[in-house]
Amino acid sequence: MVPELPPLPALTRAEAELIDRYLDVVDLLGRINPARPGDTYRGLRAAQALVAKAHALRDALELMHSRGEHEVHAATMARALRVLDGERRAARVTLPPDSDS
């Protein structure tokens, strides 16, 4: 039986959109990361998609701002990112451990 994930914290629709678009960008950056194994075509496709996802991320932030949501509640957003496996997904953007050690 698969363990049940904790519930997402309460988010506004705009905050949820920001989280989703941020993770889209993180996933693409993880595919582009030259320190990770993969082929150039995969990285190229991810880089091409990144432009549209970055625009969507900008739009999500603009929406929050236009609705008067001028502050990012970092603790709440971090909880949401953890529930959505954000730590593992963001780790793909960083350098892998040094294999020489």
Protein backbone atom coordinates (compact mmCIF):
# COMPACT_ATOMS: atom_id res chain seq x y z
CA MET A 1 0.00 0.00 0.00
CA VAL A 2 1.34 3.45 -0.96
CA PRO A 3 1.65 5.87 1.99
CA GLU A 4 -0.73 8.79 1.84
CA LEU A 5 0.87 12.15 1.17
CA PRO A 6 0.21 15.03 3.53
CA PRO A 7 -2.40 17.45 2.22
CA LEU A 8 -1.34 20.55 0.35
CA PRO A 9 -1.51 23.68 2.47
CA ALA A 10 -4.27 26.14 1.67
CA LEU A 11 -3.17 28.20 -1.32
CA THR A 12 -4.88 30.86 -3.37
CA ARG A 13 -5.49 29.91 -6.98
CA ALA A 14 -2.69 32.27 -8.00
CA GLU A 15 -0.27 30.72 -5.47
CA ALA A 16 -1.10 27.24 -6.74
CA GLU A 17 -0.45 28.42 -10.29
CA LEU A 18 2.90 29.88 -9.20
CA ILE A 19 3.92 26.58 -7.59
CA ASP A 20 2.89 24.58 -10.67
CA ARG A 21 4.69 26.87 -13.12
CA TYR A 22 7.80 27.01 -10.90
CA LEU A 23 8.00 23.22 -10.83
CA ASP A 24 7.55 23.12 -14.61
CA VAL A 25 10.61 25.36 -14.97
CA VAL A 26 12.60 23.36 -12.40
CA ASP A 27 11.82 20.11 -14.23
CA LEU A 28 13.01 21.56 -17.53
CA LEU A 29 16.19 22.98 -15.99
CA GLY A 30 16.88 19.53 -14.56
CA ARG A 31 16.66 18.05 -18.06
CA ILE A 32 18.99 20.74 -19.44
CA ASN A 33 21.60 20.37 -16.66
CA PRO A 34 24.85 19.49 -18.47
CA ALA A 35 26.22 17.81 -15.33
CA ARG A 36 23.53 15.13 -15.61
CA PRO A 37 23.50 12.24 -18.08
CA GLY A 38 21.35 12.61 -21.16
CA ASP A 39 21.53 13.46 -24.80
CA THR A 40 21.71 16.86 -26.45
CA TYR A 41 18.36 16.47 -28.18
CA ARG A 42 16.60 16.01 -24.85
CA GLY A 43 18.32 19.14 -23.53
CA LEU A 44 17.47 21.06 -26.68
CA ARG A 45 13.78 20.14 -26.43
CA ALA A 46 13.72 21.14 -22.76
CA ALA A 47 15.43 24.45 -23.54
CA GLN A 48 12.89 25.20 -26.25
CA ALA A 49 10.01 24.46 -23.87
CA LEU A 50 11.63 26.55 -21.14
CA VAL A 51 10.80 29.79 -22.93
CA ALA A 52 7.04 29.15 -22.79
CA LYS A 53 7.20 27.86 -19.21
CA ALA A 54 9.19 30.91 -18.08
CA HIS A 55 6.51 33.14 -19.60
CA ALA A 56 3.82 31.15 -17.76
CA LEU A 57 5.78 31.57 -14.52
CA ARG A 58 6.00 35.31 -15.10
CA ASP A 59 2.26 35.41 -15.81
CA ALA A 60 1.53 33.58 -12.54
CA LEU A 61 3.57 36.13 -10.61
CA GLU A 62 1.90 39.01 -12.44
CA LEU A 63 -1.50 37.55 -11.57
CA MET A 64 -0.59 37.33 -7.90
CA HIS A 65 0.66 40.91 -7.93
CA SER A 66 -2.40 42.24 -9.75
CA ARG A 67 -4.69 40.52 -7.21
CA GLY A 68 -2.94 42.28 -4.37
CA GLU A 69 -0.88 39.27 -3.31
CA HIS A 70 2.32 41.23 -2.87
CA GLU A 71 4.04 38.82 -0.48
CA VAL A 72 5.19 35.27 -1.04
CA HIS A 73 4.52 33.23 2.10
CA ALA A 74 7.71 31.19 1.93
CA ALA A 75 6.90 28.68 4.68
CA THR A 76 3.54 27.80 3.10
CA MET A 77 5.05 27.62 -0.37
CA ALA A 78 7.90 25.40 0.90
CA ARG A 79 5.35 22.99 2.44
CA ALA A 80 3.49 22.84 -0.88
CA LEU A 81 6.72 22.22 -2.78
CA ARG A 82 7.67 19.39 -0.42
CA VAL A 83 4.28 17.71 -0.87
CA LEU A 84 4.75 17.98 -4.65
CA ASP A 85 8.20 16.36 -4.50
CA GLY A 86 9.94 19.69 -5.09
CA GLU A 87 13.09 18.73 -3.20
CA ARG A 88 13.81 15.78 -5.49
CA ARG A 89 12.87 17.75 -8.58
CA ALA A 90 15.03 20.75 -7.63
CA ALA A 91 17.98 18.47 -6.81
CA ARG A 92 18.23 17.62 -10.52
CA VAL A 93 19.18 21.26 -11.18
CA THR A 94 22.23 21.13 -8.87
CA LEU A 95 25.55 19.44 -9.45
CA PRO A 96 25.59 15.72 -8.68
CA PRO A 97 27.98 14.53 -5.95
CA ASP A 98 31.62 14.46 -6.99
CA SER A 99 32.51 10.93 -8.11
CA ASP A 100 36.21 11.51 -7.36
CA SER A 101 35.57 11.51 -3.60
